[in-house]
């Protein structure tokens, strides 16, 4: 879910970009945010958002450093379900699909990586009829790489992400079917994360 409020974007900037040791009484000078970003997949300009800013950095890294192809990426895949009779649509920031199999999904959000682990794991278990093998959480400066079936963090930092060739050569994973008895719990987790991702003043366009 993306919040379009400029005030929210300013206050949700990556903490390390904001100086901590300021003289008493001096206010933090917030960075000036651009109005648009250039989408590296399409070359078109897109409105600036904190999420898209991080997502573009992730895409550039994967294409330029890890040899993924532009055609491997799917942006904003939808996960649709109901919670207490209410329709919910949750977006997956980035998916990597090779040979018609989604092998990795990403959550792109500023702030704590640990706090987003459970959210991306729920997405990995709800997006398809099988558990997406790998998941990653990135805040623009760092990332965690996870085994979606076990929930374990198996790598930290951008270099821990396998290249396209390395991913295709891996034989330590399989497309495990989801446990359908656990799906309601995963849906509740994902719904809760999405509901608190944006201040209440923004509303929740995906839980109408």
C-alpha atoms as a PDB file:
ATOM      1  CA  UNK A   1       0.000   0.000   0.000  1.00  0.00           C
ATOM      2  CA  UNK A   2       1.355   3.419  -0.909  1.00  0.00           C
ATOM      3  CA  UNK A   3       0.718   6.589   1.027  1.00  0.00           C
ATOM      4  CA  UNK A   4       0.680   9.681  -1.144  1.00  0.00           C
ATOM      5  CA  UNK A   5       0.772  12.294   1.594  1.00  0.00           C
ATOM      6  CA  UNK A   6       3.939  14.379   1.383  1.00  0.00           C
ATOM      7  CA  UNK A   7       4.072  14.817   5.164  1.00  0.00           C
ATOM      8  CA  UNK A   8       3.955  11.061   5.648  1.00  0.00           C
ATOM      9  CA  UNK A   9       6.726  10.545   3.100  1.00  0.00           C
ATOM     10  CA  UNK A  10       8.946  13.098   4.834  1.00  0.00           C
ATOM     11  CA  UNK A  11       8.488  11.523   8.232  1.00  0.00           C
ATOM     12  CA  UNK A  12       9.066   8.017   6.891  1.00  0.00           C
ATOM     13  CA  UNK A  13      12.414   8.741   5.245  1.00  0.00           C
ATOM     14  CA  UNK A  14      15.258   6.358   5.959  1.00  0.00           C
ATOM     15  CA  UNK A  15      16.444   7.347   9.467  1.00  0.00           C
ATOM     16  CA  UNK A  16      20.136   7.391   8.542  1.00  0.00           C
ATOM     17  CA  UNK A  17      19.486  10.251   6.118  1.00  0.00           C
ATOM     18  CA  UNK A  18      18.415  12.511   8.984  1.00  0.00           C
ATOM     19  CA  UNK A  19      21.175  13.911  11.262  1.00  0.00           C
ATOM     20  CA  UNK A  20      20.884  12.921  14.912  1.00  0.00           C
ATOM     21  CA  UNK A  21      23.394  15.196  16.708  1.00  0.00           C
ATOM     22  CA  UNK A  22      21.795  18.632  16.368  1.00  0.00           C
ATOM     23  CA  UNK A  23      22.342  21.652  18.625  1.00  0.00           C
ATOM     24  CA  UNK A  24      19.476  22.287  21.074  1.00  0.00           C
ATOM     25  CA  UNK A  25      16.613  24.137  19.429  1.00  0.00           C
ATOM     26  CA  UNK A  26      17.765  23.477  15.872  1.00  0.00           C
ATOM     27  CA  UNK A  27      15.156  21.785  13.720  1.00  0.00           C
ATOM     28  CA  UNK A  28      15.881  18.919  11.362  1.00  0.00           C
ATOM     29  CA  UNK A  29      16.199  20.068   7.775  1.00  0.00           C
ATOM     30  CA  UNK A  30      14.317  17.518   5.729  1.00  0.00           C
ATOM     31  CA  UNK A  31      15.695  16.563   2.306  1.00  0.00           C
ATOM     32  CA  UNK A  32      13.875  18.029  -0.670  1.00  0.00           C
ATOM     33  CA  UNK A  33      11.961  15.244  -2.384  1.00  0.00           C
ATOM     34  CA  UNK A  34      11.665  15.083  -6.175  1.00  0.00           C
ATOM     35  CA  UNK A  35       8.259  15.082  -7.799  1.00  0.00           C
ATOM     36  CA  UNK A  36       9.047  12.177 -10.142  1.00  0.00           C
ATOM     37  CA  UNK A  37      11.258   9.124 -10.567  1.00  0.00           C
ATOM     38  CA  UNK A  38      12.318   7.384 -13.764  1.00  0.00           C
ATOM     39  CA  UNK A  39      11.135   3.780 -13.851  1.00  0.00           C
ATOM     40  CA  UNK A  40      14.115   1.684 -14.925  1.00  0.00           C
ATOM     41  CA  UNK A  41      11.801  -1.013 -16.339  1.00  0.00           C
ATOM     42  CA  UNK A  42       9.804   1.220 -18.676  1.00  0.00           C
ATOM     43  CA  UNK A  43      11.831   4.442 -18.889  1.00  0.00           C
ATOM     44  CA  UNK A  44       8.704   6.419 -18.016  1.00  0.00           C
ATOM     45  CA  UNK A  45       8.412   9.005 -15.265  1.00  0.00           C
ATOM     46  CA  UNK A  46       6.389   7.937 -12.229  1.00  0.00           C
ATOM     47  CA  UNK A  47       5.246   9.990  -9.222  1.00  0.00           C
ATOM     48  CA  UNK A  48       7.723   9.974  -6.342  1.00  0.00           C
ATOM     49  CA  UNK A  49       6.949   7.830  -3.323  1.00  0.00           C
ATOM     50  CA  UNK A  50       9.232   6.444  -0.664  1.00  0.00           C
ATOM     51  CA  UNK A  51       8.344   2.900  -1.686  1.00  0.00           C
ATOM     52  CA  UNK A  52       9.035   3.516  -5.374  1.00  0.00           C
ATOM     53  CA  UNK A  53      12.316   5.241  -4.556  1.00  0.00           C
ATOM     54  CA  UNK A  54      13.523   2.117  -2.725  1.00  0.00           C
ATOM     55  CA  UNK A  55      12.055  -0.188  -5.369  1.00  0.00           C
ATOM     56  CA  UNK A  56      13.946   1.585  -8.148  1.00  0.00           C
ATOM     57  CA  UNK A  57      17.209   1.203  -6.229  1.00  0.00           C
ATOM     58  CA  UNK A  58      16.505  -2.510  -5.792  1.00  0.00           C
ATOM     59  CA  UNK A  59      15.672  -2.944  -9.484  1.00  0.00           C
ATOM     60  CA  UNK A  60      18.821  -1.150 -10.620  1.00  0.00           C
ATOM     61  CA  UNK A  61      20.945  -3.297  -8.325  1.00  0.00           C
ATOM     62  CA  UNK A  62      19.384  -6.577  -9.482  1.00  0.00           C
ATOM     63  CA  UNK A  63      19.675  -5.681 -13.171  1.00  0.00           C
ATOM     64  CA  UNK A  64      23.137  -4.123 -13.103  1.00  0.00           C
ATOM     65  CA  UNK A  65      24.874  -6.244 -10.436  1.00  0.00           C
ATOM     66  CA  UNK A  66      22.978  -9.551 -10.392  1.00  0.00           C
ATOM     67  CA  UNK A  67      22.182  -9.911 -14.109  1.00  0.00           C
ATOM     68  CA  UNK A  68      18.416 -10.188 -13.808  1.00  0.00           C
ATOM     69  CA  UNK A  69      16.455  -9.232 -16.903  1.00  0.00           C
ATOM     70  CA  UNK A  70      13.774  -6.604 -17.072  1.00  0.00           C
ATOM     71  CA  UNK A  71      11.298  -9.245 -18.192  1.00  0.00           C
ATOM     72  CA  UNK A  72      11.868 -11.188 -14.951  1.00  0.00           C
ATOM     73  CA  UNK A  73      10.113  -8.565 -12.842  1.00  0.00           C
ATOM     74  CA  UNK A  74       6.450  -8.137 -12.017  1.00  0.00           C
ATOM     75  CA  UNK A  75       5.422  -5.010 -10.115  1.00  0.00           C
ATOM     76  CA  UNK A  76       2.463  -4.785  -7.724  1.00  0.00           C
ATOM     77  CA  UNK A  77       1.043  -8.283  -7.997  1.00  0.00           C
ATOM     78  CA  UNK A  78      -2.256  -8.406  -6.142  1.00  0.00           C
ATOM     79  CA  UNK A  79      -3.209 -10.781  -3.350  1.00  0.00           C
ATOM     80  CA  UNK A  80      -6.994 -10.823  -2.939  1.00  0.00           C
ATOM     81  CA  UNK A  81      -8.874 -12.331  -0.008  1.00  0.00           C
ATOM     82  CA  UNK A  82     -11.578 -11.555   2.552  1.00  0.00           C
ATOM     83  CA  UNK A  83     -11.294 -10.783   6.251  1.00  0.00           C
ATOM     84  CA  UNK A  84     -14.553 -10.914   8.204  1.00  0.00           C
ATOM     85  CA  UNK A  85     -16.474 -10.545   4.966  1.00  0.00           C
ATOM     86  CA  UNK A  86     -14.497  -7.501   3.831  1.00  0.00           C
ATOM     87  CA  UNK A  87     -12.634  -7.714   0.505  1.00  0.00           C
ATOM     88  CA  UNK A  88      -8.919  -6.989   0.828  1.00  0.00           C
ATOM     89  CA  UNK A  89      -6.314  -6.445  -1.891  1.00  0.00           C
ATOM     90  CA  UNK A  90      -2.664  -6.409  -0.839  1.00  0.00           C
ATOM     91  CA  UNK A  91       0.161  -5.526  -3.222  1.00  0.00           C
ATOM     92  CA  UNK A  92       3.485  -7.320  -3.575  1.00  0.00           C
ATOM     93  CA  UNK A  93       6.060  -4.632  -4.323  1.00  0.00           C
ATOM     94  CA  UNK A  94       8.236  -6.765  -6.568  1.00  0.00           C
ATOM     95  CA  UNK A  95       8.168 -10.348  -7.832  1.00  0.00           C
ATOM     96  CA  UNK A  96      10.832 -12.235  -9.779  1.00  0.00           C
ATOM     97  CA  UNK A  97       9.379 -14.793 -12.186  1.00  0.00           C
ATOM     98  CA  UNK A  98      11.570 -17.082 -14.277  1.00  0.00           C
ATOM     99  CA  UNK A  99      10.214 -19.856 -16.505  1.00  0.00           C
ATOM    100  CA  UNK A 100       6.668 -19.105 -15.330  1.00  0.00           C
ATOM    101  CA  UNK A 101       7.618 -19.661 -11.689  1.00  0.00           C
ATOM    102  CA  UNK A 102       7.767 -16.895  -9.100  1.00  0.00           C
ATOM    103  CA  UNK A 103      10.959 -17.587  -7.175  1.00  0.00           C
ATOM    104  CA  UNK A 104      11.401 -14.431  -5.110  1.00  0.00           C
ATOM    105  CA  UNK A 105       9.307 -11.533  -3.821  1.00  0.00           C
ATOM    106  CA  UNK A 106      10.318  -8.218  -2.262  1.00  0.00           C
ATOM    107  CA  UNK A 107       9.018  -5.737   0.268  1.00  0.00           C
ATOM    108  CA  UNK A 108      10.417  -2.228  -0.225  1.00  0.00           C
ATOM    109  CA  UNK A 109       9.898   0.026   2.786  1.00  0.00           C
ATOM    110  CA  UNK A 110      11.992   2.360   4.920  1.00  0.00           C
ATOM    111  CA  UNK A 111      12.720   1.655   8.557  1.00  0.00           C
ATOM    112  CA  UNK A 112      13.282  -1.597  10.411  1.00  0.00           C
ATOM    113  CA  UNK A 113      13.829  -4.718   8.335  1.00  0.00           C
ATOM    114  CA  UNK A 114      12.885  -7.072  11.162  1.00  0.00           C
ATOM    115  CA  UNK A 115       9.462  -5.472  11.528  1.00  0.00           C
ATOM    116  CA  UNK A 116       8.640  -6.348   7.897  1.00  0.00           C
ATOM    117  CA  UNK A 117       9.751  -9.991   7.957  1.00  0.00           C
ATOM    118  CA  UNK A 118       6.388 -11.438   8.915  1.00  0.00           C
ATOM    119  CA  UNK A 119       4.602  -9.303   6.327  1.00  0.00           C
ATOM    120  CA  UNK A 120       6.672 -10.525   3.369  1.00  0.00           C
ATOM    121  CA  UNK A 121       6.491 -14.129   4.607  1.00  0.00           C
ATOM    122  CA  UNK A 122       2.696 -13.941   4.665  1.00  0.00           C
ATOM    123  CA  UNK A 123       2.767 -12.616   1.096  1.00  0.00           C
ATOM    124  CA  UNK A 124       5.048 -15.479   0.043  1.00  0.00           C
ATOM    125  CA  UNK A 125       2.504 -17.963   1.370  1.00  0.00           C
ATOM    126  CA  UNK A 126      -0.564 -16.297  -0.159  1.00  0.00           C
ATOM    127  CA  UNK A 127       0.475 -15.134  -3.626  1.00  0.00           C
ATOM    128  CA  UNK A 128       0.414 -18.546  -5.362  1.00  0.00           C
ATOM    129  CA  UNK A 129      -0.716 -22.109  -4.745  1.00  0.00           C
ATOM    130  CA  UNK A 130       2.867 -22.814  -3.684  1.00  0.00           C
ATOM    131  CA  UNK A 131       5.131 -21.043  -1.209  1.00  0.00           C
ATOM    132  CA  UNK A 132       7.397 -18.582  -3.032  1.00  0.00           C
ATOM    133  CA  UNK A 133      10.859 -19.999  -2.174  1.00  0.00           C
ATOM    134  CA  UNK A 134      12.625 -16.746  -1.286  1.00  0.00           C
ATOM    135  CA  UNK A 135      11.647 -13.342   0.060  1.00  0.00           C
ATOM    136  CA  UNK A 136      13.537 -10.138   0.715  1.00  0.00           C
ATOM    137  CA  UNK A 137      12.924  -6.981   2.717  1.00  0.00           C
ATOM    138  CA  UNK A 138      14.820  -3.846   1.640  1.00  0.00           C
ATOM    139  CA  UNK A 139      14.902  -0.336   3.095  1.00  0.00           C
ATOM    140  CA  UNK A 140      17.208   1.214   0.510  1.00  0.00           C
ATOM    141  CA  UNK A 141      20.361   0.826   2.598  1.00  0.00           C
ATOM    142  CA  UNK A 142      20.220  -2.797   3.696  1.00  0.00           C
ATOM    143  CA  UNK A 143      18.176  -5.947   3.243  1.00  0.00           C
ATOM    144  CA  UNK A 144      17.329  -9.313   4.700  1.00  0.00           C
ATOM    145  CA  UNK A 145      17.043 -12.404   2.518  1.00  0.00           C
ATOM    146  CA  UNK A 146      14.674 -15.087   3.806  1.00  0.00           C
ATOM    147  CA  UNK A 147      13.722 -18.696   3.225  1.00  0.00           C
ATOM    148  CA  UNK A 148       9.945 -18.361   2.905  1.00  0.00           C
ATOM    149  CA  UNK A 149       9.129 -21.930   3.937  1.00  0.00           C
ATOM    150  CA  UNK A 150      11.047 -21.825   7.229  1.00  0.00           C
ATOM    151  CA  UNK A 151      10.940 -18.084   7.856  1.00  0.00           C
ATOM    152  CA  UNK A 152      14.680 -18.042   8.557  1.00  0.00           C
ATOM    153  CA  UNK A 153      16.906 -15.126   7.565  1.00  0.00           C
ATOM    154  CA  UNK A 154      19.525 -16.735   5.336  1.00  0.00           C
ATOM    155  CA  UNK A 155      21.369 -13.630   4.219  1.00  0.00           C
ATOM    156  CA  UNK A 156      21.950  -9.983   5.089  1.00  0.00           C
ATOM    157  CA  UNK A 157      23.018  -7.187   2.786  1.00  0.00           C
ATOM    158  CA  UNK A 158      22.513  -6.734  -0.934  1.00  0.00           C
ATOM    159  CA  UNK A 159      25.357  -9.061  -1.859  1.00  0.00           C
ATOM    160  CA  UNK A 160      23.569 -11.961  -0.151  1.00  0.00           C
ATOM    161  CA  UNK A 161      20.961 -12.001  -2.935  1.00  0.00           C
ATOM    162  CA  UNK A 162      21.809 -14.694  -5.498  1.00  0.00           C
ATOM    163  CA  UNK A 163      22.400 -13.649  -9.071  1.00  0.00           C
ATOM    164  CA  UNK A 164      20.004 -14.854 -11.739  1.00  0.00           C
ATOM    165  CA  UNK A 165      22.387 -17.655 -12.689  1.00  0.00           C
ATOM    166  CA  UNK A 166      22.945 -18.655  -9.061  1.00  0.00           C
ATOM    167  CA  UNK A 167      19.220 -18.718  -8.388  1.00  0.00           C
ATOM    168  CA  UNK A 168      18.569 -21.036 -11.334  1.00  0.00           C
ATOM    169  CA  UNK A 169      21.404 -23.354 -10.247  1.00  0.00           C
ATOM    170  CA  UNK A 170      20.188 -23.707  -6.672  1.00  0.00           C
ATOM    171  CA  UNK A 171      18.806 -27.120  -5.847  1.00  0.00           C
ATOM    172  CA  UNK A 172      18.096 -26.540  -2.145  1.00  0.00           C
ATOM    173  CA  UNK A 173      14.495 -25.493  -2.642  1.00  0.00           C
ATOM    174  CA  UNK A 174      11.293 -26.772  -4.175  1.00  0.00           C
ATOM    175  CA  UNK A 175       7.896 -25.250  -4.798  1.00  0.00           C
ATOM    176  CA  UNK A 176       6.165 -26.493  -1.676  1.00  0.00           C
ATOM    177  CA  UNK A 177       2.363 -26.395  -1.610  1.00  0.00           C
ATOM    178  CA  UNK A 178       0.803 -23.996   0.862  1.00  0.00           C
ATOM    179  CA  UNK A 179      -0.828 -25.304   4.016  1.00  0.00           C
ATOM    180  CA  UNK A 180      -4.426 -24.286   3.359  1.00  0.00           C
ATOM    181  CA  UNK A 181      -5.348 -24.631   7.043  1.00  0.00           C
ATOM    182  CA  UNK A 182      -2.922 -21.818   7.841  1.00  0.00           C
ATOM    183  CA  UNK A 183      -4.093 -19.439   5.105  1.00  0.00           C
ATOM    184  CA  UNK A 184      -6.637 -17.538   7.262  1.00  0.00           C
ATOM    185  CA  UNK A 185      -3.889 -16.750   9.759  1.00  0.00           C
ATOM    186  CA  UNK A 186      -1.564 -15.512   7.029  1.00  0.00           C
ATOM    187  CA  UNK A 187      -4.365 -13.392   5.588  1.00  0.00           C
ATOM    188  CA  UNK A 188      -5.023 -11.821   8.973  1.00  0.00           C
ATOM    189  CA  UNK A 189      -1.329 -11.019   9.389  1.00  0.00           C
ATOM    190  CA  UNK A 190      -1.092  -9.398   5.974  1.00  0.00           C
ATOM    191  CA  UNK A 191      -4.296  -7.433   6.489  1.00  0.00           C
ATOM    192  CA  UNK A 192      -3.030  -6.109   9.826  1.00  0.00           C
ATOM    193  CA  UNK A 193       0.290  -4.964   8.354  1.00  0.00           C
ATOM    194  CA  UNK A 194      -1.416  -3.236   5.432  1.00  0.00           C
ATOM    195  CA  UNK A 195      -3.903  -1.510   7.730  1.00  0.00           C
ATOM    196  CA  UNK A 196      -1.135   0.117   9.805  1.00  0.00           C
ATOM    197  CA  UNK A 197       1.247   0.906   6.930  1.00  0.00           C
ATOM    198  CA  UNK A 198      -0.330   4.321   6.364  1.00  0.00           C
ATOM    199  CA  UNK A 199      -1.758   6.805   8.917  1.00  0.00           C
ATOM    200  CA  UNK A 200      -5.498   6.572   9.325  1.00  0.00           C
ATOM    201  CA  UNK A 201      -5.935   9.929   7.653  1.00  0.00           C
ATOM    202  CA  UNK A 202      -4.809   8.327   4.414  1.00  0.00           C
ATOM    203  CA  UNK A 203      -7.452   5.649   4.501  1.00  0.00           C
ATOM    204  CA  UNK A 204      -6.840   2.102   3.296  1.00  0.00           C
ATOM    205  CA  UNK A 205      -7.691   1.843  -0.401  1.00  0.00           C
ATOM    206  CA  UNK A 206      -7.033  -1.890  -0.417  1.00  0.00           C
ATOM    207  CA  UNK A 207      -9.539  -2.792   2.296  1.00  0.00           C
ATOM    208  CA  UNK A 208     -12.594  -1.107   0.969  1.00  0.00           C
END
